[in-house]
N, C-alpha and C. Protein backbone atom coordinates (compact mmCIF):
# COMPACT_ATOMS: atom_id res chain seq x y z
N UNK A 1 -67.69 38.11 62.34
CA UNK A 1 -67.21 37.51 61.11
C UNK A 1 -68.13 38.04 59.97
N UNK A 2 -67.57 38.49 58.98
CA UNK A 2 -68.18 38.88 57.74
C UNK A 2 -67.79 38.05 56.64
N UNK A 3 -68.13 38.53 55.43
CA UNK A 3 -67.84 38.00 54.24
C UNK A 3 -66.37 37.88 53.90
N UNK A 4 -65.61 38.66 54.67
CA UNK A 4 -64.12 38.61 54.43
C UNK A 4 -63.43 37.92 55.53
N UNK A 5 -64.07 37.16 56.40
CA UNK A 5 -63.56 36.50 57.54
C UNK A 5 -63.49 37.23 58.76
N UNK A 6 -62.89 36.64 59.69
CA UNK A 6 -62.78 37.36 61.06
C UNK A 6 -61.68 38.50 61.02
N UNK A 7 -61.82 39.32 61.92
CA UNK A 7 -60.93 40.47 61.94
C UNK A 7 -59.53 40.05 62.36
N UNK A 8 -58.57 40.31 61.57
CA UNK A 8 -57.22 39.80 61.99
C UNK A 8 -56.63 40.46 63.24
N UNK A 9 -55.81 39.83 63.87
CA UNK A 9 -55.18 40.40 65.12
C UNK A 9 -54.18 41.42 64.57
N UNK A 10 -53.79 42.41 65.43
CA UNK A 10 -52.78 43.44 65.19
C UNK A 10 -51.45 42.79 65.05
N UNK A 11 -50.53 43.35 64.25
CA UNK A 11 -49.24 42.71 63.99
C UNK A 11 -48.48 42.40 65.25
N UNK A 12 -48.55 43.33 66.11
CA UNK A 12 -47.86 43.21 67.34
C UNK A 12 -48.52 42.03 68.35
N UNK A 13 -49.65 41.54 68.04
CA UNK A 13 -50.38 40.43 68.78
C UNK A 13 -50.23 39.02 68.19
N UNK A 14 -49.60 39.11 66.90
CA UNK A 14 -49.51 37.76 66.21
C UNK A 14 -48.20 36.99 66.75
N UNK A 15 -48.37 35.73 66.78
CA UNK A 15 -47.17 34.93 67.21
C UNK A 15 -46.34 34.84 65.88
N UNK A 16 -46.94 34.34 64.80
CA UNK A 16 -46.10 34.01 63.62
C UNK A 16 -45.92 35.34 62.91
N UNK A 17 -44.70 35.53 62.43
CA UNK A 17 -44.30 36.74 61.77
C UNK A 17 -43.95 36.57 60.31
N UNK A 18 -44.38 35.43 59.77
CA UNK A 18 -44.08 35.25 58.29
C UNK A 18 -44.96 36.07 57.35
N UNK A 19 -44.37 36.21 56.16
CA UNK A 19 -45.15 37.14 55.31
C UNK A 19 -46.53 36.48 54.92
N UNK A 20 -47.54 37.44 54.58
CA UNK A 20 -48.78 36.94 54.10
C UNK A 20 -48.55 36.36 52.76
N UNK A 21 -49.40 35.25 52.52
CA UNK A 21 -49.38 34.53 51.17
C UNK A 21 -49.45 35.46 49.86
N UNK A 22 -50.46 36.40 50.15
CA UNK A 22 -50.68 37.46 49.12
C UNK A 22 -49.70 38.43 48.87
N UNK A 23 -48.64 38.45 49.71
CA UNK A 23 -47.67 39.41 49.63
C UNK A 23 -47.95 40.84 50.06
N UNK A 24 -48.99 41.08 50.54
CA UNK A 24 -49.49 42.44 51.10
C UNK A 24 -48.74 42.60 52.42
N UNK A 25 -48.58 43.98 52.81
CA UNK A 25 -47.93 44.27 53.95
C UNK A 25 -49.04 45.24 54.70
N UNK A 26 -48.72 45.45 55.98
CA UNK A 26 -49.48 46.28 56.82
C UNK A 26 -49.01 47.75 56.73
N UNK A 27 -49.87 48.66 56.50
CA UNK A 27 -49.63 50.05 56.50
C UNK A 27 -49.77 50.65 57.91
N UNK A 28 -48.85 51.34 58.50
CA UNK A 28 -49.06 51.80 59.83
C UNK A 28 -49.07 53.40 59.69
N UNK A 29 -49.83 54.09 60.57
CA UNK A 29 -49.81 55.53 60.53
C UNK A 29 -49.98 55.96 61.91
N UNK A 30 -49.37 57.19 62.22
CA UNK A 30 -49.51 57.83 63.53
C UNK A 30 -50.93 58.14 63.90
N UNK A 31 -51.44 57.91 64.93
CA UNK A 31 -52.77 58.13 65.28
C UNK A 31 -53.05 59.65 65.67
N UNK A 32 -54.09 60.21 65.51
CA UNK A 32 -54.51 61.59 65.81
C UNK A 32 -54.02 62.79 64.85
N UNK A 33 -53.49 62.44 63.82
CA UNK A 33 -53.12 63.59 62.94
C UNK A 33 -54.34 64.18 62.32
N UNK A 34 -54.41 65.45 62.14
CA UNK A 34 -55.58 66.22 61.73
C UNK A 34 -55.49 66.39 60.26
N UNK A 35 -56.66 66.23 59.65
CA UNK A 35 -56.76 66.54 58.16
C UNK A 35 -57.87 67.45 57.92
N UNK A 36 -57.72 68.26 56.91
CA UNK A 36 -58.79 69.29 56.55
C UNK A 36 -60.17 68.50 56.31
N UNK A 37 -61.24 69.10 56.74
CA UNK A 37 -62.60 68.52 56.47
C UNK A 37 -63.54 69.70 56.48
N UNK A 38 -64.75 69.38 55.81
CA UNK A 38 -65.63 70.47 55.67
C UNK A 38 -66.18 70.73 57.13
N UNK A 39 -66.74 71.94 57.42
CA UNK A 39 -67.28 72.30 58.66
C UNK A 39 -68.56 71.54 58.99
N UNK A 40 -68.80 71.41 60.34
CA UNK A 40 -69.98 70.75 60.82
C UNK A 40 -71.01 71.69 60.67
N UNK A 41 -72.19 71.10 60.39
CA UNK A 41 -73.50 71.84 60.35
C UNK A 41 -73.95 71.97 61.72
N UNK A 42 -74.21 73.11 62.15
CA UNK A 42 -74.62 73.32 63.49
C UNK A 42 -76.10 72.92 63.78
N UNK A 43 -76.82 72.60 62.65
CA UNK A 43 -78.15 72.16 62.92
C UNK A 43 -78.24 70.58 62.99
N UNK A 44 -77.15 69.97 62.82
CA UNK A 44 -77.17 68.52 62.78
C UNK A 44 -77.61 68.05 64.12
N UNK A 45 -78.17 66.74 64.15
CA UNK A 45 -78.54 66.02 65.45
C UNK A 45 -77.28 65.90 66.22
N UNK A 46 -77.29 65.95 67.53
CA UNK A 46 -76.07 65.74 68.39
C UNK A 46 -75.29 64.40 68.04
N UNK A 47 -75.94 63.36 67.76
CA UNK A 47 -75.24 62.15 67.55
C UNK A 47 -74.61 62.13 66.24
N UNK A 48 -75.05 62.81 65.21
CA UNK A 48 -74.41 62.96 63.96
C UNK A 48 -73.24 63.87 63.97
N UNK A 49 -73.39 65.00 64.85
CA UNK A 49 -72.28 65.96 65.04
C UNK A 49 -71.06 65.33 65.68
N UNK A 50 -71.40 64.60 66.69
CA UNK A 50 -70.49 63.81 67.56
C UNK A 50 -69.63 62.89 66.71
N UNK A 51 -70.27 62.13 65.87
CA UNK A 51 -69.63 61.13 64.93
C UNK A 51 -68.78 61.74 64.08
N UNK A 52 -69.24 62.87 63.31
CA UNK A 52 -68.44 63.58 62.30
C UNK A 52 -67.17 64.18 63.06
N UNK A 53 -67.43 64.76 64.15
CA UNK A 53 -66.25 65.44 64.87
C UNK A 53 -65.27 64.48 65.23
N UNK A 54 -65.74 63.24 65.64
CA UNK A 54 -64.73 62.10 66.11
C UNK A 54 -63.86 61.65 64.81
N UNK A 55 -64.47 61.69 63.69
CA UNK A 55 -63.56 61.36 62.47
C UNK A 55 -62.54 62.42 62.42
N UNK A 56 -62.65 63.75 62.60
CA UNK A 56 -61.69 64.68 62.47
C UNK A 56 -60.46 64.45 63.53
N UNK A 57 -60.71 63.78 64.62
CA UNK A 57 -59.75 63.52 65.62
C UNK A 57 -59.13 62.11 65.40
N UNK A 58 -59.71 61.29 64.53
CA UNK A 58 -59.20 59.90 64.28
C UNK A 58 -58.05 59.81 63.39
N UNK A 59 -57.17 58.85 63.64
CA UNK A 59 -55.85 58.71 62.97
C UNK A 59 -55.93 58.38 61.46
N UNK A 60 -57.18 57.61 61.14
CA UNK A 60 -57.30 57.24 59.72
C UNK A 60 -57.63 58.41 58.89
N UNK A 61 -58.02 59.58 59.59
CA UNK A 61 -58.39 60.81 58.78
C UNK A 61 -57.05 61.25 57.95
N UNK A 62 -55.92 60.87 58.38
CA UNK A 62 -54.71 61.15 57.69
C UNK A 62 -54.78 60.76 56.22
N UNK A 63 -55.50 59.69 55.95
CA UNK A 63 -55.61 59.09 54.62
C UNK A 63 -56.85 59.60 53.85
N UNK A 64 -57.63 60.46 54.42
CA UNK A 64 -58.80 60.96 53.80
C UNK A 64 -58.56 61.95 52.75
N UNK A 65 -59.13 61.71 51.59
CA UNK A 65 -59.19 62.68 50.55
C UNK A 65 -60.44 63.63 50.58
N UNK A 66 -60.58 64.61 49.82
CA UNK A 66 -61.81 65.36 49.80
C UNK A 66 -63.07 64.48 49.57
N UNK A 67 -62.97 63.65 48.63
CA UNK A 67 -64.09 62.68 48.45
C UNK A 67 -64.60 61.93 49.73
N UNK A 68 -63.49 61.43 50.54
CA UNK A 68 -63.84 60.74 51.79
C UNK A 68 -64.65 61.77 52.69
N UNK A 69 -64.14 63.03 52.75
CA UNK A 69 -64.77 63.82 53.75
C UNK A 69 -66.16 64.29 53.26
N UNK A 70 -66.32 64.35 51.94
CA UNK A 70 -67.66 64.53 51.31
C UNK A 70 -68.61 63.38 51.63
N UNK A 71 -68.03 62.10 51.62
CA UNK A 71 -68.83 60.96 51.99
C UNK A 71 -69.19 61.03 53.59
N UNK A 72 -68.24 61.43 54.29
CA UNK A 72 -68.52 61.34 55.75
C UNK A 72 -69.56 62.56 56.11
N UNK A 73 -69.49 63.63 55.27
CA UNK A 73 -70.31 64.82 55.45
C UNK A 73 -71.85 64.29 55.21
N UNK A 74 -71.87 63.57 53.92
CA UNK A 74 -73.17 63.04 53.58
C UNK A 74 -73.73 62.05 54.54
N UNK A 75 -73.01 61.21 55.17
CA UNK A 75 -73.48 60.10 56.15
C UNK A 75 -73.92 61.03 57.32
N UNK A 76 -73.26 61.99 57.75
CA UNK A 76 -73.64 62.74 58.91
C UNK A 76 -74.98 63.48 58.76
N UNK A 77 -75.01 64.08 57.49
CA UNK A 77 -76.23 64.80 56.98
C UNK A 77 -77.52 63.87 57.17
N UNK A 78 -77.33 62.63 56.39
CA UNK A 78 -78.47 61.75 56.42
C UNK A 78 -78.87 61.09 57.80
N UNK A 79 -77.72 60.96 58.59
CA UNK A 79 -77.81 60.48 59.98
C UNK A 79 -78.60 61.53 60.79
N UNK A 80 -78.32 62.85 60.58
CA UNK A 80 -78.93 63.87 61.35
C UNK A 80 -80.52 63.95 60.97
N UNK A 81 -80.86 63.83 59.69
CA UNK A 81 -82.19 63.87 59.26
C UNK A 81 -83.00 62.78 59.69
N UNK A 82 -82.47 61.49 59.62
CA UNK A 82 -83.23 60.43 60.17
C UNK A 82 -83.43 60.57 61.70
N UNK A 83 -82.41 61.06 62.37
CA UNK A 83 -82.53 61.12 63.89
C UNK A 83 -83.46 62.21 64.34
N UNK A 84 -83.80 63.23 63.61
CA UNK A 84 -84.68 64.34 63.90
C UNK A 84 -86.12 63.92 63.89
N UNK A 85 -86.87 64.46 64.76
CA UNK A 85 -88.30 64.12 64.74
C UNK A 85 -88.86 64.32 63.47
N UNK A 86 -89.87 63.30 63.05
CA UNK A 86 -90.34 63.18 61.67
C UNK A 86 -91.93 63.60 61.71
N UNK A 87 -92.55 64.23 60.73
CA UNK A 87 -93.91 64.41 60.82
C UNK A 87 -94.68 63.07 60.61
N UNK A 88 -95.71 63.02 61.48
CA UNK A 88 -96.64 61.90 61.36
C UNK A 88 -98.10 62.11 61.66
N UNK A 89 -98.97 61.56 60.95
CA UNK A 89 -100.33 61.79 61.17
C UNK A 89 -100.90 60.98 62.31
N UNK A 90 -101.38 61.78 63.42
CA UNK A 90 -101.79 61.01 64.61
C UNK A 90 -103.33 61.27 64.57
N UNK A 91 -104.08 60.13 64.96
CA UNK A 91 -105.34 60.23 64.93
C UNK A 91 -106.10 59.86 63.57
N UNK A 92 -107.46 59.93 63.50
CA UNK A 92 -108.09 59.62 62.26
C UNK A 92 -109.33 60.51 62.07
N UNK A 93 -109.69 60.59 60.80
CA UNK A 93 -110.84 61.30 60.36
C UNK A 93 -110.71 62.75 60.72
N UNK A 94 -111.76 63.56 61.29
CA UNK A 94 -111.67 64.94 61.70
C UNK A 94 -110.67 65.31 62.76
N UNK A 95 -110.29 64.23 63.66
CA UNK A 95 -109.45 64.46 64.77
C UNK A 95 -107.99 64.18 64.35
N UNK A 96 -107.75 63.84 63.04
CA UNK A 96 -106.32 63.64 62.56
C UNK A 96 -105.46 64.97 62.64
N UNK A 97 -104.35 64.85 63.07
CA UNK A 97 -103.54 65.99 63.12
C UNK A 97 -102.01 65.47 62.78
N UNK A 98 -101.13 66.48 62.39
CA UNK A 98 -99.77 66.09 62.08
C UNK A 98 -98.94 66.48 63.26
N UNK A 99 -98.13 65.52 63.73
CA UNK A 99 -97.20 65.87 64.86
C UNK A 99 -95.83 65.48 64.61
N UNK A 100 -94.94 66.14 65.19
CA UNK A 100 -93.43 65.77 64.85
C UNK A 100 -93.22 64.64 65.97
N UNK A 101 -92.79 63.55 65.56
CA UNK A 101 -92.59 62.34 66.41
C UNK A 101 -91.15 61.83 66.24
N UNK A 102 -90.53 61.59 67.33
CA UNK A 102 -89.22 61.06 67.35
C UNK A 102 -89.30 59.46 67.06
N UNK A 103 -88.87 59.03 65.92
CA UNK A 103 -88.87 57.66 65.49
C UNK A 103 -87.47 57.05 65.61
N UNK A 104 -87.34 55.78 65.75
CA UNK A 104 -86.04 55.04 65.67
C UNK A 104 -85.60 55.01 64.37
N UNK A 105 -84.26 55.04 64.09
CA UNK A 105 -83.76 54.93 62.68
C UNK A 105 -84.28 53.56 62.01
N UNK A 106 -84.41 53.62 60.75
CA UNK A 106 -84.78 52.38 59.99
C UNK A 106 -83.79 51.41 59.87
N UNK A 107 -83.86 50.28 59.82
CA UNK A 107 -82.77 49.18 59.59
C UNK A 107 -81.97 49.43 58.35
N UNK A 108 -82.70 49.75 57.30
CA UNK A 108 -82.01 50.03 55.92
C UNK A 108 -81.10 51.23 56.14
N UNK A 109 -81.45 52.22 56.93
CA UNK A 109 -80.61 53.46 57.14
C UNK A 109 -79.35 53.03 57.87
N UNK A 110 -79.55 52.34 58.93
CA UNK A 110 -78.42 51.86 59.72
C UNK A 110 -77.53 51.05 58.95
N UNK A 111 -77.92 50.12 58.15
CA UNK A 111 -77.21 49.25 57.21
C UNK A 111 -76.44 50.29 56.27
N UNK A 112 -76.99 51.14 55.63
CA UNK A 112 -76.29 52.09 54.94
C UNK A 112 -75.13 52.84 55.46
N UNK A 113 -75.51 53.40 56.65
CA UNK A 113 -74.38 54.12 57.47
C UNK A 113 -73.38 53.35 57.73
N UNK A 114 -73.53 51.98 58.27
CA UNK A 114 -72.45 51.22 58.62
C UNK A 114 -71.64 50.85 57.46
N UNK A 115 -72.12 50.64 56.32
CA UNK A 115 -71.43 50.30 55.21
C UNK A 115 -70.68 51.48 54.71
N UNK A 116 -71.18 52.62 54.77
CA UNK A 116 -70.40 53.87 54.43
C UNK A 116 -69.15 54.07 55.49
N UNK A 117 -69.53 53.77 56.79
CA UNK A 117 -68.52 53.95 57.76
C UNK A 117 -67.41 52.90 57.67
N UNK A 118 -67.78 51.71 57.16
CA UNK A 118 -66.62 50.75 56.82
C UNK A 118 -65.77 51.27 55.77
N UNK A 119 -66.26 51.81 54.75
CA UNK A 119 -65.52 52.35 53.77
C UNK A 119 -64.54 53.50 54.14
N UNK A 120 -64.90 54.14 55.26
CA UNK A 120 -64.14 55.28 55.72
C UNK A 120 -63.23 54.83 56.89
N UNK A 121 -63.08 53.51 57.20
CA UNK A 121 -62.19 52.87 58.11
C UNK A 121 -62.46 53.27 59.45
N UNK A 122 -63.85 53.39 59.79
CA UNK A 122 -64.18 54.01 61.09
C UNK A 122 -63.74 53.00 62.29
N UNK A 123 -64.05 51.79 62.12
CA UNK A 123 -63.70 51.00 63.31
C UNK A 123 -62.33 50.26 63.20
N UNK A 124 -61.96 49.70 64.29
CA UNK A 124 -60.58 49.03 64.33
C UNK A 124 -60.72 47.88 63.46
N UNK A 125 -61.62 47.09 63.31
CA UNK A 125 -61.84 45.93 62.50
C UNK A 125 -61.89 46.30 60.98
N UNK A 126 -62.37 47.44 60.61
CA UNK A 126 -62.37 47.90 59.26
C UNK A 126 -60.81 48.23 58.78
N UNK A 127 -60.13 48.79 59.77
CA UNK A 127 -58.82 49.33 59.63
C UNK A 127 -57.99 47.97 59.40
N UNK A 128 -58.12 47.08 60.24
CA UNK A 128 -57.33 45.75 60.14
C UNK A 128 -57.50 45.03 58.96
N UNK A 129 -58.73 44.97 58.44
CA UNK A 129 -59.11 44.29 57.23
C UNK A 129 -58.31 44.98 56.06
N UNK A 130 -58.11 46.29 56.11
CA UNK A 130 -57.30 47.06 55.14
C UNK A 130 -55.85 47.07 55.45
N UNK A 131 -55.46 46.46 56.57
CA UNK A 131 -54.08 46.32 56.92
C UNK A 131 -53.53 47.75 57.19
N UNK A 132 -54.27 48.48 58.07
CA UNK A 132 -53.88 49.75 58.45
C UNK A 132 -54.21 49.70 59.95
N UNK A 133 -52.97 50.03 60.70
CA UNK A 133 -52.96 49.91 62.13
C UNK A 133 -52.44 51.45 62.65
N UNK A 134 -53.27 52.04 63.54
CA UNK A 134 -52.96 53.22 64.17
C UNK A 134 -52.10 52.97 65.40
N UNK A 135 -51.08 53.74 65.54
CA UNK A 135 -50.20 53.57 66.65
C UNK A 135 -50.16 54.93 67.46
N UNK A 136 -50.23 54.79 68.79
CA UNK A 136 -50.21 55.99 69.77
C UNK A 136 -48.84 56.20 70.30
N UNK A 137 -47.87 55.50 69.97
CA UNK A 137 -46.59 55.74 70.46
C UNK A 137 -45.83 54.49 70.94
N UNK A 138 -44.62 54.47 71.31
CA UNK A 138 -44.00 53.28 71.90
C UNK A 138 -44.68 52.80 73.20
N UNK A 139 -45.19 53.50 74.02
CA UNK A 139 -45.72 53.03 75.29
C UNK A 139 -47.08 52.49 75.08
N UNK A 140 -47.67 52.69 73.93
CA UNK A 140 -49.10 52.31 73.69
C UNK A 140 -49.31 50.79 73.91
N UNK A 141 -48.40 49.97 73.39
CA UNK A 141 -48.50 48.52 73.58
C UNK A 141 -48.44 48.12 75.01
N UNK A 142 -47.84 48.67 75.85
CA UNK A 142 -47.80 48.31 77.23
C UNK A 142 -48.95 48.81 78.10
N UNK A 143 -49.60 49.74 77.46
CA UNK A 143 -50.89 50.33 78.04
C UNK A 143 -52.11 49.74 77.70
N UNK A 144 -52.04 48.74 76.85
CA UNK A 144 -53.09 48.05 76.38
C UNK A 144 -53.89 47.31 77.48
N UNK A 145 -55.18 47.65 77.66
CA UNK A 145 -56.03 47.21 78.71
C UNK A 145 -56.14 45.63 78.79
N UNK A 146 -55.89 44.95 77.62
CA UNK A 146 -56.03 43.53 77.63
C UNK A 146 -54.62 43.00 78.12
N UNK A 147 -53.53 43.56 78.24
CA UNK A 147 -52.31 43.08 78.71
C UNK A 147 -52.27 43.37 80.29
N UNK A 148 -51.94 42.36 81.01
CA UNK A 148 -51.68 42.55 82.44
C UNK A 148 -50.29 43.27 82.77
N UNK A 149 -50.15 43.62 83.92
CA UNK A 149 -48.97 44.29 84.42
C UNK A 149 -47.80 43.39 84.07
N UNK A 150 -47.88 42.06 84.38
CA UNK A 150 -46.70 41.12 84.19
C UNK A 150 -46.34 41.07 82.73
N UNK A 151 -47.33 41.13 81.88
CA UNK A 151 -47.09 41.07 80.41
C UNK A 151 -46.39 42.36 79.93
N UNK A 152 -46.80 43.46 80.39
CA UNK A 152 -46.32 44.75 80.10
C UNK A 152 -44.82 44.69 80.68
N UNK A 153 -44.59 44.23 81.87
CA UNK A 153 -43.22 44.19 82.42
C UNK A 153 -42.23 43.25 81.61
N UNK A 154 -42.85 42.07 81.20
CA UNK A 154 -42.04 41.30 80.30
C UNK A 154 -41.71 42.03 78.98
N UNK A 155 -42.54 42.71 78.42
CA UNK A 155 -42.26 43.55 77.17
C UNK A 155 -41.11 44.49 77.30
N UNK A 156 -41.26 45.19 78.48
CA UNK A 156 -40.13 46.09 78.79
C UNK A 156 -38.81 45.39 78.86
N UNK A 157 -38.75 44.17 79.53
CA UNK A 157 -37.49 43.52 79.71
C UNK A 157 -36.95 42.98 78.37
N UNK A 158 -37.96 42.62 77.47
CA UNK A 158 -37.41 42.14 76.20
C UNK A 158 -36.76 43.30 75.41
N UNK A 159 -37.54 44.45 75.51
CA UNK A 159 -37.09 45.60 74.69
C UNK A 159 -35.45 45.92 75.26
N UNK A 160 -35.44 45.91 76.65
CA UNK A 160 -34.11 46.19 77.27
C UNK A 160 -33.13 45.26 76.93
N UNK A 161 -33.39 43.99 76.80
CA UNK A 161 -32.44 42.95 76.30
C UNK A 161 -32.08 43.11 74.88
N UNK A 162 -33.11 43.36 73.99
CA UNK A 162 -32.92 43.52 72.53
C UNK A 162 -31.80 44.69 72.28
N UNK A 163 -31.95 45.85 73.27
CA UNK A 163 -31.06 46.94 73.09
C UNK A 163 -29.80 46.73 73.59
N UNK A 164 -29.52 45.64 74.20
CA UNK A 164 -28.17 45.17 74.66
C UNK A 164 -28.06 45.69 76.17
N UNK A 165 -28.95 46.08 76.78
CA UNK A 165 -28.85 46.46 78.10
C UNK A 165 -29.62 45.86 79.09
């Protein structure tokens, strides 16, 4: 739960179908469409590279503008720099030397990355808060791991009856 309340359920998981009080509607987009993005820097840390490449394959990327891709590139760049070994003075006095040490990311860096990721609709919760749902196709609802086989079977029967057959 954040400042904007709990993450809303997906529209196909809600019981009530009345319109929201604020008059807003949910925008739905097909998942997995590719959008142009700046190339990945080969020198990036593997975690930063993996994150950036995952954005290219994600459905919300359909809505990305060049400024969004530049933001994503900048997040990956700073993430990579923070995750690389850092120079640190080891020892003291005449025995002091500088070594490259792998340090955990700073809390402030993590907070900044997650805030930027939220503005890029990276997580399911971020997308739901913005009323954007990604769909994988008609069978995606019945393949939901949270639904049991009986529920999926009932969903198919409802569809069949709704189609008149």
